[in-house]
């Protein structure tokens, strides 16, 4: 086979292979980003539920008188 034709065929094959790898990487990356977005949404929802529970606990403790301001007028910790 003529070296010019062989070099052309090899160049085309390498270009196609590089394009395939780049496309596969982009596809996998977008798929991973979608999964991370779903995971972030789940984590955000859990934090919102936890925040609501903590707020409810604080309000209940304050209503029942368990949370009061300290009577430390001197400014020192005894």
N, C-alpha and C. Protein backbone atom coordinates (compact mmCIF):
# COMPACT_ATOMS: atom_id res chain seq x y z
N UNK A 1 0.86 -1.17 0.00
CA UNK A 1 0.00 0.00 0.00
C UNK A 1 0.91 1.23 0.00
N UNK A 2 0.49 2.20 -0.72
CA UNK A 2 1.24 3.45 -0.84
C UNK A 2 1.26 4.15 0.52
N UNK A 3 2.40 4.67 0.97
CA UNK A 3 2.48 5.32 2.28
C UNK A 3 1.54 6.52 2.43
N UNK A 4 1.27 7.23 1.37
CA UNK A 4 0.36 8.37 1.45
C UNK A 4 -1.06 7.92 1.75
N UNK A 5 -1.48 6.85 1.09
CA UNK A 5 -2.84 6.33 1.32
C UNK A 5 -2.93 5.76 2.75
N UNK A 6 -1.90 5.04 3.17
CA UNK A 6 -1.89 4.47 4.52
C UNK A 6 -1.95 5.57 5.57
N UNK A 7 -1.18 6.65 5.38
CA UNK A 7 -1.19 7.76 6.34
C UNK A 7 -2.56 8.43 6.37
N UNK A 8 -3.20 8.56 5.22
CA UNK A 8 -4.53 9.18 5.15
C UNK A 8 -5.56 8.32 5.88
N UNK A 9 -5.52 7.02 5.63
CA UNK A 9 -6.46 6.10 6.28
C UNK A 9 -6.25 6.11 7.79
N UNK A 10 -4.99 6.06 8.22
CA UNK A 10 -4.70 6.09 9.66
C UNK A 10 -5.16 7.41 10.28
N UNK A 11 -4.93 8.51 9.60
CA UNK A 11 -5.37 9.81 10.11
C UNK A 11 -6.88 9.90 10.24
N UNK A 12 -7.59 9.39 9.25
CA UNK A 12 -9.05 9.41 9.31
C UNK A 12 -9.55 8.52 10.44
N UNK A 13 -8.96 7.34 10.59
CA UNK A 13 -9.37 6.43 11.65
C UNK A 13 -9.10 7.01 13.04
N UNK A 14 -7.95 7.65 13.20
CA UNK A 14 -7.64 8.29 14.48
C UNK A 14 -8.60 9.43 14.79
N UNK A 15 -8.95 10.20 13.77
CA UNK A 15 -9.89 11.30 13.95
C UNK A 15 -11.27 10.79 14.35
N UNK A 16 -11.71 9.72 13.70
CA UNK A 16 -13.00 9.12 14.03
C UNK A 16 -12.97 8.56 15.45
N UNK A 17 -11.88 7.88 15.81
CA UNK A 17 -11.76 7.32 17.15
C UNK A 17 -11.76 8.42 18.21
N UNK A 18 -11.03 9.51 17.96
CA UNK A 18 -11.02 10.62 18.90
C UNK A 18 -12.41 11.24 19.04
N UNK A 19 -13.10 11.40 17.94
CA UNK A 19 -14.47 11.94 17.98
C UNK A 19 -15.40 11.03 18.77
N UNK A 20 -15.25 9.72 18.58
CA UNK A 20 -16.10 8.77 19.32
C UNK A 20 -15.82 8.85 20.81
N UNK A 21 -14.54 8.91 21.19
CA UNK A 21 -14.20 9.02 22.61
C UNK A 21 -14.70 10.33 23.20
N UNK A 22 -14.56 11.42 22.47
CA UNK A 22 -15.03 12.72 22.96
C UNK A 22 -16.55 12.72 23.13
N UNK A 23 -17.25 12.13 22.18
CA UNK A 23 -18.71 12.05 22.27
C UNK A 23 -19.14 11.18 23.44
N UNK A 24 -18.47 10.04 23.61
CA UNK A 24 -18.80 9.14 24.72
C UNK A 24 -18.53 9.83 26.06
N UNK A 25 -17.43 10.54 26.16
CA UNK A 25 -17.11 11.24 27.39
C UNK A 25 -18.15 12.31 27.69
N UNK A 26 -18.55 13.07 26.70
CA UNK A 26 -19.56 14.12 26.90
C UNK A 26 -20.89 13.50 27.31
N UNK A 27 -21.25 12.38 26.70
CA UNK A 27 -22.50 11.71 27.04
C UNK A 27 -22.46 11.19 28.48
N UNK A 28 -21.35 10.56 28.86
CA UNK A 28 -21.22 10.05 30.21
C UNK A 28 -21.22 11.18 31.24
N UNK A 29 -20.56 12.26 30.89
CA UNK A 29 -20.50 13.39 31.82
C UNK A 29 -21.87 14.00 32.03
N UNK A 30 -22.64 14.16 30.97
CA UNK A 30 -23.98 14.73 31.11
C UNK A 30 -24.87 13.78 31.92
N UNK A 31 -24.67 12.48 31.73
CA UNK A 31 -25.44 11.51 32.50
C UNK A 31 -25.08 11.59 33.97
N UNK A 32 -23.79 11.74 34.27
CA UNK A 32 -23.36 11.86 35.67
C UNK A 32 -23.87 13.16 36.27
N UNK A 33 -23.85 14.25 35.51
CA UNK A 33 -24.35 15.53 36.04
C UNK A 33 -25.83 15.43 36.36
N UNK A 34 -26.59 14.72 35.53
CA UNK A 34 -28.01 14.54 35.81
C UNK A 34 -28.21 13.76 37.10
N UNK A 35 -27.38 12.74 37.32
CA UNK A 35 -27.50 11.97 38.55
C UNK A 35 -27.11 12.82 39.76
N UNK A 36 -26.07 13.63 39.62
CA UNK A 36 -25.67 14.49 40.73
C UNK A 36 -26.76 15.51 41.04
N UNK A 37 -27.42 16.03 40.00
CA UNK A 37 -28.51 16.98 40.23
C UNK A 37 -29.64 16.33 41.00
N UNK A 38 -29.98 15.09 40.65
CA UNK A 38 -31.04 14.38 41.37
C UNK A 38 -30.63 14.16 42.82
N UNK A 39 -29.35 13.81 43.03
CA UNK A 39 -28.87 13.57 44.38
C UNK A 39 -28.88 14.88 45.18
N UNK A 40 -28.51 15.99 44.54
CA UNK A 40 -28.54 17.29 45.22
C UNK A 40 -29.97 17.66 45.62
N UNK A 41 -30.93 17.37 44.73
CA UNK A 41 -32.32 17.66 45.05
C UNK A 41 -32.79 16.86 46.26
N UNK A 42 -32.39 15.59 46.33
CA UNK A 42 -32.78 14.75 47.47
C UNK A 42 -32.14 15.27 48.76
N UNK A 43 -30.88 15.66 48.69
CA UNK A 43 -30.19 16.18 49.87
C UNK A 43 -30.84 17.49 50.32
N UNK A 44 -31.17 18.36 49.37
CA UNK A 44 -31.82 19.62 49.71
C UNK A 44 -33.16 19.37 50.39
N UNK A 45 -33.92 18.41 49.88
CA UNK A 45 -35.22 18.11 50.47
C UNK A 45 -35.05 17.57 51.89
N UNK A 46 -34.05 16.73 52.10
CA UNK A 46 -33.81 16.20 53.45
C UNK A 46 -33.41 17.30 54.42
N UNK A 47 -32.55 18.23 53.96
CA UNK A 47 -32.16 19.33 54.82
C UNK A 47 -33.34 20.23 55.15
N UNK A 48 -34.23 20.44 54.19
CA UNK A 48 -35.41 21.27 54.46
C UNK A 48 -36.31 20.60 55.49
N UNK A 49 -36.49 19.27 55.38
CA UNK A 49 -37.30 18.56 56.37
C UNK A 49 -36.64 18.62 57.75
N UNK A 50 -35.32 18.44 57.78
CA UNK A 50 -34.60 18.50 59.05
C UNK A 50 -34.69 19.89 59.66
N UNK A 51 -34.55 20.91 58.82
CA UNK A 51 -34.65 22.29 59.30
C UNK A 51 -36.04 22.55 59.88
N UNK A 52 -37.07 22.04 59.24
CA UNK A 52 -38.42 22.20 59.76
C UNK A 52 -38.60 21.52 61.10
N UNK A 53 -38.03 20.33 61.24
CA UNK A 53 -38.13 19.62 62.52
C UNK A 53 -37.39 20.35 63.63
N UNK A 54 -36.20 20.86 63.32
CA UNK A 54 -35.43 21.61 64.32
C UNK A 54 -36.16 22.89 64.70
N UNK A 55 -36.73 23.59 63.73
CA UNK A 55 -37.49 24.79 64.04
C UNK A 55 -38.69 24.47 64.93
N UNK A 56 -39.37 23.37 64.64
CA UNK A 56 -40.50 22.95 65.47
C UNK A 56 -40.06 22.62 66.88
N UNK A 57 -38.93 21.95 67.02
CA UNK A 57 -38.41 21.61 68.35
C UNK A 57 -38.06 22.86 69.13
N UNK A 58 -37.40 23.81 68.47
CA UNK A 58 -37.03 25.06 69.15
C UNK A 58 -38.28 25.82 69.58
N UNK A 59 -39.27 25.90 68.72
CA UNK A 59 -40.51 26.61 69.07
C UNK A 59 -41.22 25.92 70.24
N UNK A 60 -41.25 24.59 70.24
CA UNK A 60 -41.90 23.86 71.33
C UNK A 60 -41.16 24.08 72.65
N UNK A 61 -39.83 24.01 72.61
CA UNK A 61 -39.05 24.24 73.82
C UNK A 61 -39.22 25.67 74.33
N UNK A 62 -39.27 26.62 73.43
CA UNK A 62 -39.45 28.02 73.84
C UNK A 62 -40.84 28.24 74.43
N UNK A 63 -41.86 27.64 73.82
CA UNK A 63 -43.23 27.78 74.32
C UNK A 63 -43.39 27.18 75.72
N UNK A 64 -42.69 26.08 75.97
CA UNK A 64 -42.79 25.42 77.27
C UNK A 64 -41.85 26.00 78.32
N UNK A 65 -41.07 27.00 77.96
CA UNK A 65 -40.23 27.70 78.92
C UNK A 65 -38.87 27.09 79.15
N UNK A 66 -38.48 26.14 78.32
CA UNK A 66 -37.17 25.53 78.49
C UNK A 66 -36.05 26.38 77.89
N UNK A 67 -36.38 27.25 76.99
CA UNK A 67 -35.38 28.13 76.38
C UNK A 67 -35.63 29.54 76.90
N UNK A 68 -34.74 30.02 77.75
CA UNK A 68 -34.86 31.37 78.30
C UNK A 68 -33.52 32.07 78.17
N UNK A 69 -33.56 33.38 78.29
CA UNK A 69 -32.33 34.16 78.26
C UNK A 69 -31.58 33.94 79.56
N UNK A 70 -30.27 33.84 79.52
CA UNK A 70 -29.52 33.66 80.77
C UNK A 70 -29.55 34.94 81.61
N UNK A 71 -29.58 34.76 82.92
CA UNK A 71 -29.56 35.90 83.85
C UNK A 71 -28.12 36.19 84.24
N UNK A 72 -27.34 36.66 83.29
CA UNK A 72 -25.92 36.90 83.53
C UNK A 72 -25.65 38.39 83.32
N UNK A 73 -26.06 39.22 84.27
CA UNK A 73 -25.94 40.68 84.13
C UNK A 73 -24.51 41.13 84.33
N UNK A 74 -23.70 40.36 85.06
CA UNK A 74 -22.32 40.83 85.33
C UNK A 74 -21.40 40.63 84.13
N UNK A 75 -21.77 39.79 83.21
CA UNK A 75 -20.94 39.59 82.03
C UNK A 75 -19.85 38.54 82.20
N UNK A 76 -19.87 37.83 83.32
CA UNK A 76 -18.87 36.79 83.57
C UNK A 76 -19.55 35.44 83.61
N UNK A 77 -18.82 34.44 83.24
CA UNK A 77 -19.34 33.08 83.32
C UNK A 77 -18.97 32.49 84.68
N UNK A 78 -19.98 32.17 85.48
CA UNK A 78 -19.74 31.61 86.81
C UNK A 78 -19.83 30.12 86.78
